[in-house]
PDB file of N, CA and C in Angstrom:
ATOM      1  N   MET A   1       0.848  -1.186   0.009  1.00  0.00           N
ATOM      2  CA  MET A   1       0.004  -0.006   0.002  1.00  0.00           C
ATOM      3  C   MET A   1       0.885   1.224   0.003  1.00  0.00           C
ATOM      4  N   SER A   2       0.715   2.094  -0.951  1.00  0.00           N
ATOM      5  CA  SER A   2       1.506   3.279  -1.113  1.00  0.00           C
ATOM      6  C   SER A   2       0.833   4.486  -0.426  1.00  0.00           C
ATOM      7  N   THR A   3       1.649   5.321   0.130  1.00  0.00           N
ATOM      8  CA  THR A   3       1.178   6.511   0.815  1.00  0.00           C
ATOM      9  C   THR A   3       1.912   7.711   0.228  1.00  0.00           C
ATOM     10  N   LYS A   4       1.218   8.794  -0.009  1.00  0.00           N
ATOM     11  CA  LYS A   4       1.845  10.016  -0.526  1.00  0.00           C
ATOM     12  C   LYS A   4       2.493  10.749   0.643  1.00  0.00           C
ATOM     13  N   ILE A   5       3.755  11.117   0.451  1.00  0.00           N
ATOM     14  CA  ILE A   5       4.472  11.919   1.428  1.00  0.00           C
ATOM     15  C   ILE A   5       4.340  13.379   1.015  1.00  0.00           C
ATOM     16  N   ASP A   6       3.868  14.217   1.931  1.00  0.00           N
ATOM     17  CA  ASP A   6       3.662  15.629   1.629  1.00  0.00           C
ATOM     18  C   ASP A   6       4.993  16.315   1.276  1.00  0.00           C
ATOM     19  N   ASP A   7       4.917  17.265   0.327  1.00  0.00           N
ATOM     20  CA  ASP A   7       6.107  17.959  -0.085  1.00  0.00           C
ATOM     21  C   ASP A   7       6.782  18.730   1.051  1.00  0.00           C
ATOM     22  N   TRP A   8       5.982  19.323   1.920  1.00  0.00           N
ATOM     23  CA  TRP A   8       6.577  20.094   3.037  1.00  0.00           C
ATOM     24  C   TRP A   8       7.359  19.179   3.965  1.00  0.00           C
ATOM     25  N   LEU A   9       6.914  17.913   4.094  1.00  0.00           N
ATOM     26  CA  LEU A   9       7.664  16.964   4.934  1.00  0.00           C
ATOM     27  C   LEU A   9       8.958  16.552   4.284  1.00  0.00           C
ATOM     28  N   LEU A  10       8.934  16.326   2.965  1.00  0.00           N
ATOM     29  CA  LEU A  10      10.174  15.988   2.257  1.00  0.00           C
ATOM     30  C   LEU A  10      11.206  17.119   2.349  1.00  0.00           C
ATOM     31  N   GLU A  11      10.756  18.334   2.429  1.00  0.00           N
ATOM     32  CA  GLU A  11      11.667  19.483   2.534  1.00  0.00           C
ATOM     33  C   GLU A  11      12.468  19.494   3.839  1.00  0.00           C
ATOM     34  N   ILE A  12      11.892  18.937   4.901  1.00  0.00           N
ATOM     35  CA  ILE A  12      12.557  18.993   6.203  1.00  0.00           C
ATOM     36  C   ILE A  12      13.247  17.695   6.571  1.00  0.00           C
ATOM     37  N   LEU A  13      12.878  16.578   5.903  1.00  0.00           N
ATOM     38  CA  LEU A  13      13.501  15.309   6.245  1.00  0.00           C
ATOM     39  C   LEU A  13      14.892  15.182   5.597  1.00  0.00           C
ATOM     40  N   ALA A  14      15.773  14.511   6.266  1.00  0.00           N
ATOM     41  CA  ALA A  14      17.116  14.269   5.752  1.00  0.00           C
ATOM     42  C   ALA A  14      17.570  12.862   6.147  1.00  0.00           C
ATOM     43  N   CYS A  15      18.466  12.332   5.352  1.00  0.00           N
ATOM     44  CA  CYS A  15      19.035  11.013   5.660  1.00  0.00           C
ATOM     45  C   CYS A  15      19.787  11.074   6.985  1.00  0.00           C
ATOM     46  N   PRO A  16      19.502  10.145   7.894  1.00  0.00           N
ATOM     47  CA  PRO A  16      20.212  10.191   9.200  1.00  0.00           C
ATOM     48  C   PRO A  16      21.707   9.866   9.057  1.00  0.00           C
ATOM     49  N   LYS A  17      22.092   9.199   8.012  1.00  0.00           N
ATOM     50  CA  LYS A  17      23.517   8.830   7.840  1.00  0.00           C
ATOM     51  C   LYS A  17      24.293   9.965   7.164  1.00  0.00           C
ATOM     52  N   SER A  18      23.800  10.480   6.010  1.00  0.00           N
ATOM     53  CA  SER A  18      24.577  11.474   5.251  1.00  0.00           C
ATOM     54  C   SER A  18      24.107  12.914   5.469  1.00  0.00           C
ATOM     55  N   LYS A  19      22.920  13.064   6.039  1.00  0.00           N
ATOM     56  CA  LYS A  19      22.263  14.378   6.213  1.00  0.00           C
ATOM     57  C   LYS A  19      21.837  15.010   4.885  1.00  0.00           C
ATOM     58  N   ALA A  20      21.845  14.203   3.829  1.00  0.00           N
ATOM     59  CA  ALA A  20      21.423  14.713   2.525  1.00  0.00           C
ATOM     60  C   ALA A  20      19.890  14.653   2.390  1.00  0.00           C
ATOM     61  N   PRO A  21      19.347  15.369   1.414  1.00  0.00           N
ATOM     62  CA  PRO A  21      17.895  15.316   1.223  1.00  0.00           C
ATOM     63  C   PRO A  21      17.457  13.947   0.758  1.00  0.00           C
ATOM     64  N   LEU A  22      16.164  13.673   0.996  1.00  0.00           N
ATOM     65  CA  LEU A  22      15.581  12.379   0.591  1.00  0.00           C
ATOM     66  C   LEU A  22      14.559  12.638  -0.526  1.00  0.00           C
ATOM     67  N   ARG A  23      14.385  11.660  -1.390  1.00  0.00           N
ATOM     68  CA  ARG A  23      13.324  11.714  -2.405  1.00  0.00           C
ATOM     69  C   ARG A  23      12.398  10.532  -2.175  1.00  0.00           C
ATOM     70  N   TYR A  24      11.144  10.741  -2.512  1.00  0.00           N
ATOM     71  CA  TYR A  24      10.147   9.692  -2.269  1.00  0.00           C
ATOM     72  C   TYR A  24       9.978   8.840  -3.509  1.00  0.00           C
ATOM     73  N   ASP A  25      10.146   7.541  -3.365  1.00  0.00           N
ATOM     74  CA  ASP A  25       9.906   6.577  -4.449  1.00  0.00           C
ATOM     75  C   ASP A  25       8.547   5.964  -4.173  1.00  0.00           C
ATOM     76  N   GLU A  26       7.559   6.455  -4.929  1.00  0.00           N
ATOM     77  CA  GLU A  26       6.166   6.052  -4.676  1.00  0.00           C
ATOM     78  C   GLU A  26       5.953   4.561  -4.993  1.00  0.00           C
ATOM     79  N   ASP A  27       6.625   4.032  -6.029  1.00  0.00           N
ATOM     80  CA  ASP A  27       6.450   2.613  -6.420  1.00  0.00           C
ATOM     81  C   ASP A  27       6.914   1.711  -5.283  1.00  0.00           C
ATOM     82  N   ALA A  28       8.042   2.030  -4.678  1.00  0.00           N
ATOM     83  CA  ALA A  28       8.613   1.175  -3.597  1.00  0.00           C
ATOM     84  C   ALA A  28       8.109   1.618  -2.241  1.00  0.00           C
ATOM     85  N   ASN A  29       7.441   2.771  -2.144  1.00  0.00           N
ATOM     86  CA  ASN A  29       7.000   3.316  -0.850  1.00  0.00           C
ATOM     87  C   ASN A  29       8.196   3.468   0.099  1.00  0.00           C
ATOM     88  N   GLU A  30       9.218   4.151  -0.404  1.00  0.00           N
ATOM     89  CA  GLU A  30      10.440   4.369   0.372  1.00  0.00           C
ATOM     90  C   GLU A  30      10.935   5.774   0.174  1.00  0.00           C
ATOM     91  N   LEU A  31      11.708   6.232   1.138  1.00  0.00           N
ATOM     92  CA  LEU A  31      12.450   7.479   1.023  1.00  0.00           C
ATOM     93  C   LEU A  31      13.879   7.105   0.703  1.00  0.00           C
ATOM     94  N   VAL A  32      14.406   7.650  -0.402  1.00  0.00           N
ATOM     95  CA  VAL A  32      15.706   7.240  -0.916  1.00  0.00           C
ATOM     96  C   VAL A  32      16.668   8.385  -0.762  1.00  0.00           C
ATOM     97  N   CYS A  33      17.877   8.034  -0.326  1.00  0.00           N
ATOM     98  CA  CYS A  33      18.982   8.995  -0.247  1.00  0.00           C
ATOM     99  C   CYS A  33      19.990   8.569  -1.312  1.00  0.00           C
ATOM    100  N   ASP A  34      20.141   9.411  -2.336  1.00  0.00           N
ATOM    101  CA  ASP A  34      21.080   9.088  -3.421  1.00  0.00           C
ATOM    102  C   ASP A  34      22.532   9.212  -2.960  1.00  0.00           C
ATOM    103  N   GLU A  35      22.796  10.041  -1.983  1.00  0.00           N
ATOM    104  CA  GLU A  35      24.161  10.227  -1.522  1.00  0.00           C
ATOM    105  C   GLU A  35      24.676   8.996  -0.747  1.00  0.00           C
ATOM    106  N   SER A  36      23.873   8.469   0.180  1.00  0.00           N
ATOM    107  CA  SER A  36      24.320   7.337   0.994  1.00  0.00           C
ATOM    108  C   SER A  36      23.943   5.996   0.367  1.00  0.00           C
ATOM    109  N   GLY A  37      23.030   6.022  -0.638  1.00  0.00           N
ATOM    110  CA  GLY A  37      22.637   4.761  -1.278  1.00  0.00           C
ATOM    111  C   GLY A  37      21.713   3.931  -0.399  1.00  0.00           C
ATOM    112  N   LEU A  38      20.957   4.598   0.456  1.00  0.00           N
ATOM    113  CA  LEU A  38      20.022   3.896   1.342  1.00  0.00           C
ATOM    114  C   LEU A  38      18.607   4.269   1.039  1.00  0.00           C
ATOM    115  N   ALA A  39      17.695   3.295   1.255  1.00  0.00           N
ATOM    116  CA  ALA A  39      16.265   3.522   1.077  1.00  0.00           C
ATOM    117  C   ALA A  39      15.593   3.203   2.406  1.00  0.00           C
ATOM    118  N   TYR A  40      14.830   4.150   2.892  1.00  0.00           N
ATOM    119  CA  TYR A  40      14.139   3.995   4.205  1.00  0.00           C
ATOM    120  C   TYR A  40      12.671   3.678   3.947  1.00  0.00           C
ATOM    121  N   PRO A  41      12.136   2.670   4.636  1.00  0.00           N
ATOM    122  CA  PRO A  41      10.728   2.296   4.402  1.00  0.00           C
ATOM    123  C   PRO A  41       9.758   3.343   4.980  1.00  0.00           C
ATOM    124  N   VAL A  42       8.556   3.386   4.401  1.00  0.00           N
ATOM    125  CA  VAL A  42       7.444   4.174   4.942  1.00  0.00           C
ATOM    126  C   VAL A  42       6.397   3.145   5.338  1.00  0.00           C
ATOM    127  N   ARG A  43       6.121   3.067   6.624  1.00  0.00           N
ATOM    128  CA  ARG A  43       5.158   2.116   7.153  1.00  0.00           C
ATOM    129  C   ARG A  43       3.931   2.831   7.719  1.00  0.00           C
ATOM    130  N   ASP A  44       2.767   2.497   7.229  1.00  0.00           N
ATOM    131  CA  ASP A  44       1.533   3.115   7.676  1.00  0.00           C
ATOM    132  C   ASP A  44       1.626   4.641   7.600  1.00  0.00           C
ATOM    133  N   GLY A  45       2.279   5.138   6.570  1.00  0.00           N
ATOM    134  CA  GLY A  45       2.391   6.569   6.358  1.00  0.00           C
ATOM    135  C   GLY A  45       3.467   7.233   7.180  1.00  0.00           C
ATOM    136  N   ILE A  46       4.242   6.466   7.906  1.00  0.00           N
ATOM    137  CA  ILE A  46       5.279   7.019   8.804  1.00  0.00           C
ATOM    138  C   ILE A  46       6.650   6.621   8.298  1.00  0.00           C
ATOM    139  N   PRO A  47       7.503   7.590   7.962  1.00  0.00           N
ATOM    140  CA  PRO A  47       8.866   7.267   7.538  1.00  0.00           C
ATOM    141  C   PRO A  47       9.673   6.684   8.687  1.00  0.00           C
ATOM    142  N   VAL A  48      10.332   5.559   8.413  1.00  0.00           N
ATOM    143  CA  VAL A  48      11.176   4.898   9.427  1.00  0.00           C
ATOM    144  C   VAL A  48      12.619   5.261   9.082  1.00  0.00           C
ATOM    145  N   LEU A  49      13.111   6.327   9.701  1.00  0.00           N
ATOM    146  CA  LEU A  49      14.440   6.823   9.359  1.00  0.00           C
ATOM    147  C   LEU A  49      15.496   6.293  10.318  1.00  0.00           C
ATOM    148  N   LEU A  50      15.645   4.970  10.295  1.00  0.00           N
ATOM    149  CA  LEU A  50      16.647   4.306  11.086  1.00  0.00           C
ATOM    150  C   LEU A  50      17.599   3.593  10.137  1.00  0.00           C
ATOM    151  N   VAL A  51      18.888   3.849  10.270  1.00  0.00           N
ATOM    152  CA  VAL A  51      19.865   3.230   9.381  1.00  0.00           C
ATOM    153  C   VAL A  51      19.754   1.732   9.401  1.00  0.00           C
ATOM    154  N   ASP A  52      19.477   1.138  10.557  1.00  0.00           N
ATOM    155  CA  ASP A  52      19.364  -0.304  10.689  1.00  0.00           C
ATOM    156  C   ASP A  52      18.172  -0.872   9.921  1.00  0.00           C
ATOM    157  N   GLU A  53      17.159  -0.041   9.658  1.00  0.00           N
ATOM    158  CA  GLU A  53      15.971  -0.465   8.949  1.00  0.00           C
ATOM    159  C   GLU A  53      16.054  -0.194   7.442  1.00  0.00           C
ATOM    160  N   ALA A  54      17.058   0.538   7.005  1.00  0.00           N
ATOM    161  CA  ALA A  54      17.237   0.897   5.613  1.00  0.00           C
ATOM    162  C   ALA A  54      17.823  -0.266   4.818  1.00  0.00           C
ATOM    163  N   ARG A  55      17.542  -0.220   3.508  1.00  0.00           N
ATOM    164  CA  ARG A  55      18.174  -1.201   2.628  1.00  0.00           C
ATOM    165  C   ARG A  55      19.071  -0.468   1.664  1.00  0.00           C
ATOM    166  N   LYS A  56      20.099  -1.124   1.202  1.00  0.00           N
ATOM    167  CA  LYS A  56      21.012  -0.546   0.218  1.00  0.00           C
ATOM    168  C   LYS A  56      20.379  -0.611  -1.166  1.00  0.00           C
ATOM    169  N   VAL A  57      20.525   0.486  -1.907  1.00  0.00           N
ATOM    170  CA  VAL A  57      20.004   0.534  -3.259  1.00  0.00           C
ATOM    171  C   VAL A  57      21.194   0.561  -4.252  1.00  0.00           C
ATOM    172  N   ALA A  58      20.948   0.048  -5.432  1.00  0.00           N
ATOM    173  CA  ALA A  58      22.023  -0.057  -6.415  1.00  0.00           C
ATOM    174  C   ALA A  58      22.410   1.306  -6.980  1.00  0.00           C
TER     175      ALA A  58
END
């Protein structure tokens, strides 16, 4: 189930590892950091910004 992340929220969220901005991947329902190469899940509309919960992206 995909959830839309509000633009204002994306503007203030940052990757906890690199502190870089995140982009929302609607198909995967994840917040992706291109700098660190990590994707953070969004569960029940809530971003889980824990490095231990992130997966590496290619």
